[in-house]
Amino acid sequence: MAGRYLAYPPGRGNVLIPAGDRRSAAAGLSLVTLSKPLPLAAQLVLHAATRALGPRVLPGRRREWRPPVEEGAWAAISARVAALTGPFDGTAGYLRPQASRAGGAALLLLRAGRPIGFLKVRESPAELEREAAALAAFEPGDDVGFRVPGVLGSGSVGQLWWLLLSPMEPVPARPVREVAVERLAANIGSRLARRLARPPGVPEHWQPMHGDLTPWNLRHTRGRVPWLIDWEDAGYAPPHADEVYYLATRLAVYGGRPPARAYGEAAGYWHERVSRRASEDRELTRRLLAALAALEG
């Protein structure tokens, strides 16, 4: 996997795109998550240009490949993952930009430029265990209004934990801005209730939730059914918690008027959690808190 990588987008540089061939570079570019229409349109154009002309069309700083963790640990993880997927000859990487979610990395594993797995590595097992348990609640062909990745394997090496998921299609993903969110949240909660144990001390009326239901985690790639990804925060919260968070993040990013309904406890739950986060985007946090205050009623 030696070779040069591009730290993208310029300025933030949290996506590492292989700079060796056009197919791998285009797959890496698909890891960039955008929400606003103009940046997303630009990404679609750049993705097409990369597939046609190669990685030289991409701006940014080039650098040599370095494993996201200590080299010995990476060699051990790579060997275990390759036993599940077969050999892979390239990766594209995603580093979480939020200060509140730092630690670990995610890698799109490539063979001849084609994705064969999506690997998450963390310094604590809790997030990955929650995600694996949540994804196990969904069966192939479930009619719930979305698709979820499949769990291909998991394990640990020293003080690192990993989870291997099936990959999405390697194309820029469009966020889902309009959805029947009450029905969507109900489908999520009913399936998670099968697998997620209620932690001690959780109020009896709290219900299972995805925990990060946003327009950018509900994504269209190919086909009519979107993907719902990033289940690491699955757990229990007040009724309507997923619904409230989707509405609040949509308001914060795209604007508009909040619904007339007051959500009380669920909006207050999120207001308290968001208030405690460390965030690089203070303006987005301010808008999100304002949206939650409006939804609280």
Protein backbone atom coordinates (compact mmCIF):
# COMPACT_ATOMS: atom_id res chain seq x y z
CA MET A 1 0.00 0.00 0.00
CA ALA A 2 2.98 2.29 -0.27
CA GLY A 3 2.45 5.36 -2.39
CA ARG A 4 1.37 8.97 -2.28
CA TYR A 5 -1.89 10.23 -0.82
CA LEU A 6 -3.75 13.49 -1.05
CA ALA A 7 -4.98 15.21 2.12
CA TYR A 8 -8.41 16.52 1.09
CA PRO A 9 -10.23 18.90 1.18
CA PRO A 10 -7.61 21.66 1.34
CA GLY A 11 -7.53 23.28 4.76
CA ARG A 12 -9.23 20.46 6.62
CA GLY A 13 -7.41 17.48 5.09
CA ASN A 14 -9.33 14.81 7.00
CA VAL A 15 -9.85 12.54 3.96
CA LEU A 16 -6.79 10.73 2.60
CA ILE A 17 -7.24 9.97 -1.09
CA PRO A 18 -4.94 7.56 -2.98
CA ALA A 19 -3.08 9.49 -5.65
CA GLY A 20 -1.91 6.51 -7.69
CA ASP A 21 -4.77 5.81 -10.11
CA ARG A 22 -8.09 7.29 -11.15
CA ARG A 23 -10.39 4.55 -9.85
CA SER A 24 -8.85 4.54 -6.35
CA ALA A 25 -8.83 8.34 -6.22
CA ALA A 26 -12.51 8.52 -7.19
CA ALA A 27 -13.37 5.94 -4.51
CA GLY A 28 -11.48 8.00 -1.93
CA LEU A 29 -13.28 11.18 -2.96
CA SER A 30 -16.59 9.46 -2.17
CA LEU A 31 -15.64 9.60 1.53
CA VAL A 32 -16.03 13.38 1.56
CA THR A 33 -19.37 14.19 3.21
CA LEU A 34 -21.06 17.37 2.03
CA SER A 35 -24.53 18.72 2.72
CA LYS A 36 -25.06 22.02 0.90
CA PRO A 37 -26.19 21.90 -2.76
CA LEU A 38 -23.34 23.91 -4.33
CA PRO A 39 -20.43 22.07 -2.65
CA LEU A 40 -22.14 18.77 -3.41
CA ALA A 41 -22.55 19.71 -7.07
CA ALA A 42 -18.87 20.65 -7.21
CA GLN A 43 -17.96 17.27 -5.70
CA LEU A 44 -20.00 15.45 -8.34
CA VAL A 45 -18.17 17.34 -11.10
CA LEU A 46 -14.80 16.67 -9.47
CA HIS A 47 -15.62 12.99 -9.05
CA ALA A 48 -16.42 12.67 -12.76
CA ALA A 49 -13.23 14.56 -13.67
CA THR A 50 -11.16 12.29 -11.41
CA ARG A 51 -12.60 9.16 -13.03
CA ALA A 52 -11.82 10.58 -16.47
CA LEU A 53 -8.47 12.33 -15.91
CA GLY A 54 -7.05 10.85 -12.73
CA PRO A 55 -6.05 12.27 -9.33
CA ARG A 56 -4.01 15.12 -10.80
CA VAL A 57 -7.22 17.18 -11.04
CA LEU A 58 -7.63 17.14 -7.23
CA PRO A 59 -6.20 20.05 -5.22
CA GLY A 60 -4.42 19.49 -1.94
CA ARG A 61 -1.19 18.44 -0.25
CA ARG A 62 0.44 15.15 -1.27
CA ARG A 63 2.11 12.94 1.31
CA GLU A 64 3.52 9.44 1.67
CA TRP A 65 1.36 6.63 3.06
CA ARG A 66 1.52 6.18 6.83
CA PRO A 67 -0.62 3.68 8.77
CA PRO A 68 -3.30 5.32 10.93
CA VAL A 69 -2.01 3.41 13.97
CA GLU A 70 1.35 2.00 15.11
CA GLU A 71 2.90 -0.08 12.32
CA GLY A 72 2.97 -3.38 14.20
CA ALA A 73 -0.69 -3.04 15.19
CA TRP A 74 -1.60 -2.09 11.63
CA ALA A 75 0.17 -5.17 10.25
CA ALA A 76 -1.74 -7.41 12.66
CA ILE A 77 -5.10 -5.77 11.92
CA SER A 78 -4.44 -5.90 8.16
CA ALA A 79 -3.69 -9.62 8.31
CA ARG A 80 -6.89 -10.39 10.21
CA VAL A 81 -9.00 -8.25 7.92
CA ALA A 82 -7.43 -9.75 4.78
CA ALA A 83 -8.41 -13.19 6.07
CA LEU A 84 -12.04 -12.01 5.84
CA THR A 85 -11.98 -9.97 2.63
CA GLY A 86 -9.07 -11.42 0.72
CA PRO A 87 -6.02 -9.27 -0.04
CA PHE A 88 -6.38 -5.52 -0.50
CA ASP A 89 -3.81 -3.31 -2.20
CA GLY A 90 -4.97 0.19 -1.31
CA THR A 91 -6.88 2.29 1.19
CA ALA A 92 -8.61 5.63 1.41
CA GLY A 93 -8.87 7.14 4.87
CA TYR A 94 -11.29 9.27 6.88
CA LEU A 95 -10.24 11.01 10.09
CA ARG A 96 -13.07 12.35 12.23
CA PRO A 97 -12.79 16.15 12.27
CA GLN A 98 -14.93 16.74 15.38
CA ALA A 99 -12.87 17.36 18.50
CA SER A 100 -15.59 15.64 20.54
CA ARG A 101 -15.21 12.46 18.48
CA ALA A 102 -11.42 12.32 18.10
CA GLY A 103 -9.51 9.07 18.32
CA GLY A 104 -9.35 6.35 15.72
CA ALA A 105 -9.85 6.30 11.99
CA ALA A 106 -11.90 4.72 9.24
CA LEU A 107 -10.48 3.19 6.07
CA LEU A 108 -12.05 2.19 2.78
CA LEU A 109 -10.21 -0.95 1.71
CA LEU A 110 -9.55 -1.23 -2.03
CA ARG A 111 -8.60 -3.99 -4.42
CA ALA A 112 -7.66 -2.67 -7.86
CA GLY A 113 -9.50 0.52 -6.95
CA ARG A 114 -12.74 -1.24 -5.99
CA PRO A 115 -14.05 -1.10 -2.39
CA ILE A 116 -14.15 -4.43 -0.58
CA GLY A 117 -14.66 -3.28 3.00
CA PHE A 118 -14.95 -0.32 5.35
CA LEU A 119 -12.74 -0.64 8.41
CA LYS A 120 -13.19 1.32 11.65
CA VAL A 121 -10.39 1.36 14.25
CA ARG A 122 -10.96 2.80 17.72
CA GLU A 123 -9.05 3.19 20.98
CA SER A 124 -12.08 1.99 22.96
CA PRO A 125 -14.48 -0.86 22.15
CA ALA A 126 -17.71 0.82 23.28
CA GLU A 127 -18.62 2.65 20.06
CA LEU A 128 -17.90 -0.33 17.82
CA GLU A 129 -19.79 -2.73 20.08
CA ARG A 130 -22.84 -0.47 19.97
CA GLU A 131 -22.64 -0.23 16.19
CA ALA A 132 -22.28 -3.99 15.70
CA ALA A 133 -25.21 -4.69 18.04
CA ALA A 134 -27.38 -2.12 16.27
CA LEU A 135 -26.60 -3.40 12.77
CA ALA A 136 -27.36 -6.96 13.86
CA ALA A 137 -30.97 -5.86 14.44
CA PHE A 138 -31.53 -5.54 10.69
CA GLU A 139 -31.97 -8.44 8.30
CA PRO A 140 -31.24 -8.29 4.55
CA GLY A 141 -34.40 -7.28 2.74
CA ASP A 142 -35.98 -5.56 5.77
CA ASP A 143 -38.51 -3.02 4.50
CA VAL A 144 -37.59 -0.15 6.84
CA GLY A 145 -36.99 2.64 4.33
CA PHE A 146 -33.17 2.46 4.37
CA ARG A 147 -30.19 0.15 3.92
CA VAL A 148 -27.49 -0.54 6.49
CA PRO A 149 -23.95 -1.91 6.11
CA GLY A 150 -23.35 -5.53 6.98
CA VAL A 151 -20.88 -6.56 9.69
CA LEU A 152 -18.09 -8.63 8.12
CA GLY A 153 -15.97 -9.08 11.23
CA SER A 154 -14.50 -7.51 14.37
CA GLY A 155 -11.63 -7.96 16.77
CA SER A 156 -8.88 -6.33 18.77
CA VAL A 157 -5.11 -5.95 18.64
CA GLY A 158 -3.48 -4.76 21.85
CA GLN A 159 -5.38 -1.66 22.96
CA LEU A 160 -7.08 -1.13 19.59
CA TRP A 161 -10.45 -2.45 18.45
CA TRP A 162 -11.67 -2.80 14.88
CA LEU A 163 -14.95 -3.38 13.06
CA LEU A 164 -15.19 -4.34 9.39
CA LEU A 165 -18.33 -3.35 7.46
CA SER A 166 -19.51 -3.86 3.92
CA PRO A 167 -18.86 -0.71 1.83
CA MET A 168 -21.32 1.62 0.16
CA GLU A 169 -21.07 2.34 -3.55
CA PRO A 170 -17.99 4.53 -4.22
CA VAL A 171 -19.86 7.60 -5.46
CA PRO A 172 -20.59 10.99 -3.83
CA ALA A 173 -23.57 10.59 -1.52
CA ARG A 174 -26.48 13.02 -1.36
CA PRO A 175 -27.98 13.81 2.05
CA VAL A 176 -31.68 13.10 2.51
CA ARG A 177 -33.30 16.43 3.37
CA GLU A 178 -36.94 15.32 3.21
CA VAL A 179 -38.18 12.12 4.80
CA ALA A 180 -41.15 10.92 6.86
CA VAL A 181 -38.93 11.11 9.93
CA GLU A 182 -41.52 10.03 12.49
CA ARG A 183 -42.09 6.75 10.65
CA LEU A 184 -38.36 6.35 10.01
CA ALA A 185 -37.55 6.81 13.70
CA ALA A 186 -40.29 4.34 14.66
CA ASN A 187 -38.79 1.72 12.31
CA ILE A 188 -35.36 2.27 13.83
CA GLY A 189 -36.63 1.98 17.40
CA SER A 190 -38.71 -1.14 16.80
CA ARG A 191 -35.77 -3.00 15.22
CA LEU A 192 -33.21 -1.87 17.81
CA ALA A 193 -35.45 -3.01 20.65
CA ARG A 194 -34.66 -6.58 19.52
CA ARG A 195 -30.92 -6.24 20.12
CA LEU A 196 -30.03 -3.28 22.35
CA ALA A 197 -30.16 -4.11 26.03
CA ARG A 198 -31.50 -1.36 28.28
CA PRO A 199 -28.58 -0.12 30.44
CA PRO A 200 -29.07 -0.02 34.21
CA GLY A 201 -30.61 3.22 35.45
CA VAL A 202 -32.17 4.23 32.12
CA PRO A 203 -35.71 5.56 32.65
CA GLU A 204 -38.39 3.03 31.77
CA HIS A 205 -40.06 5.29 29.20
CA TRP A 206 -36.87 5.88 27.19
CA GLN A 207 -36.68 4.13 23.82
CA PRO A 208 -33.95 2.83 21.47
CA MET A 209 -32.50 5.35 19.01
CA HIS A 210 -29.90 5.59 16.25
CA GLY A 211 -28.28 8.45 18.15
CA ASP A 212 -26.94 10.45 15.20
CA LEU A 213 -29.87 10.64 12.78
CA THR A 214 -28.98 13.52 10.46
CA PRO A 215 -29.50 14.31 6.78
CA TRP A 216 -25.83 13.50 6.09
CA ASN A 217 -25.96 10.09 7.79
CA LEU A 218 -29.02 9.19 5.69
CA ARG A 219 -27.48 9.16 2.21
CA HIS A 220 -28.49 8.41 -1.36
CA THR A 221 -25.81 6.78 -3.51
CA ARG A 222 -27.35 4.60 -6.23
CA GLY A 223 -30.90 3.39 -6.28
CA ARG A 224 -34.01 4.72 -4.55
CA VAL A 225 -33.34 3.43 -1.03
CA PRO A 226 -30.83 5.48 1.00
CA TRP A 227 -28.16 4.19 3.35
CA LEU A 228 -28.32 4.92 7.08
CA ILE A 229 -24.80 4.80 8.50
CA ASP A 230 -22.80 5.65 11.66
CA TRP A 231 -24.59 3.64 14.35
CA GLU A 232 -21.88 4.16 16.99
CA ASP A 233 -24.18 6.29 19.20
CA ALA A 234 -27.09 3.84 19.22
CA GLY A 235 -28.67 3.65 22.65
CA TYR A 236 -31.64 4.77 24.71
CA ALA A 237 -33.08 8.27 24.96
CA PRO A 238 -36.42 10.03 25.52
CA PRO A 239 -39.21 9.24 23.03
CA HIS A 240 -38.80 11.07 19.69
CA ALA A 241 -35.05 11.66 20.23
CA ASP A 242 -34.09 10.55 16.70
CA GLU A 243 -36.91 12.57 15.18
CA VAL A 244 -35.87 15.71 17.06
CA TYR A 245 -32.19 15.42 16.17
CA TYR A 246 -32.95 14.97 12.47
CA LEU A 247 -35.26 17.99 12.47
CA ALA A 248 -32.78 20.13 14.43
CA THR A 249 -29.78 19.31 12.24
CA ARG A 250 -31.83 19.91 9.11
CA LEU A 251 -32.91 23.31 10.43
CA ALA A 252 -29.34 24.18 11.44
CA VAL A 253 -27.88 23.38 8.02
CA TYR A 254 -30.69 24.24 5.60
CA GLY A 255 -32.85 26.70 7.53
CA GLY A 256 -36.64 26.81 7.44
CA ARG A 257 -39.35 26.87 10.06
CA PRO A 258 -39.57 24.39 12.92
CA PRO A 259 -42.75 22.33 13.21
CA ALA A 260 -45.45 23.70 15.49
CA ARG A 261 -45.18 20.67 17.76
CA ALA A 262 -43.19 21.00 21.00
CA TYR A 263 -40.95 18.01 21.77
CA GLY A 264 -40.12 18.89 25.37
CA GLU A 265 -37.96 16.18 26.94
CA ALA A 266 -36.35 14.92 23.72
CA ALA A 267 -35.30 18.43 22.61
CA GLY A 268 -34.03 19.21 26.10
CA TYR A 269 -32.02 15.97 26.08
CA TRP A 270 -30.24 16.98 22.88
CA HIS A 271 -29.80 20.62 23.97
CA GLU A 272 -27.91 19.45 27.05
CA ARG A 273 -25.73 17.02 25.08
CA VAL A 274 -24.86 19.46 22.30
CA SER A 275 -24.05 22.18 24.87
CA ARG A 276 -21.32 19.94 26.33
CA ARG A 277 -19.65 19.11 23.01
CA ALA A 278 -16.33 20.49 21.86
CA SER A 279 -16.85 21.63 18.27
CA GLU A 280 -14.69 23.15 15.56
CA ASP A 281 -17.76 24.70 13.91
CA ARG A 282 -19.12 27.11 16.52
CA GLU A 283 -21.61 28.68 14.13
CA LEU A 284 -23.20 25.33 13.32
CA THR A 285 -23.37 24.52 17.03
CA ARG A 286 -25.04 27.86 17.72
CA ARG A 287 -27.65 27.21 15.02
CA LEU A 288 -28.22 23.67 16.26
CA LEU A 289 -28.81 24.87 19.83
CA ALA A 290 -31.22 27.51 18.56
CA ALA A 291 -33.13 24.89 16.57
CA LEU A 292 -33.34 22.61 19.62
CA ALA A 293 -34.60 25.47 21.78
CA ALA A 294 -37.36 26.10 19.21
CA LEU A 295 -38.29 22.41 19.16
CA GLU A 296 -38.34 22.19 22.95
CA GLY A 297 -41.26 24.64 23.07
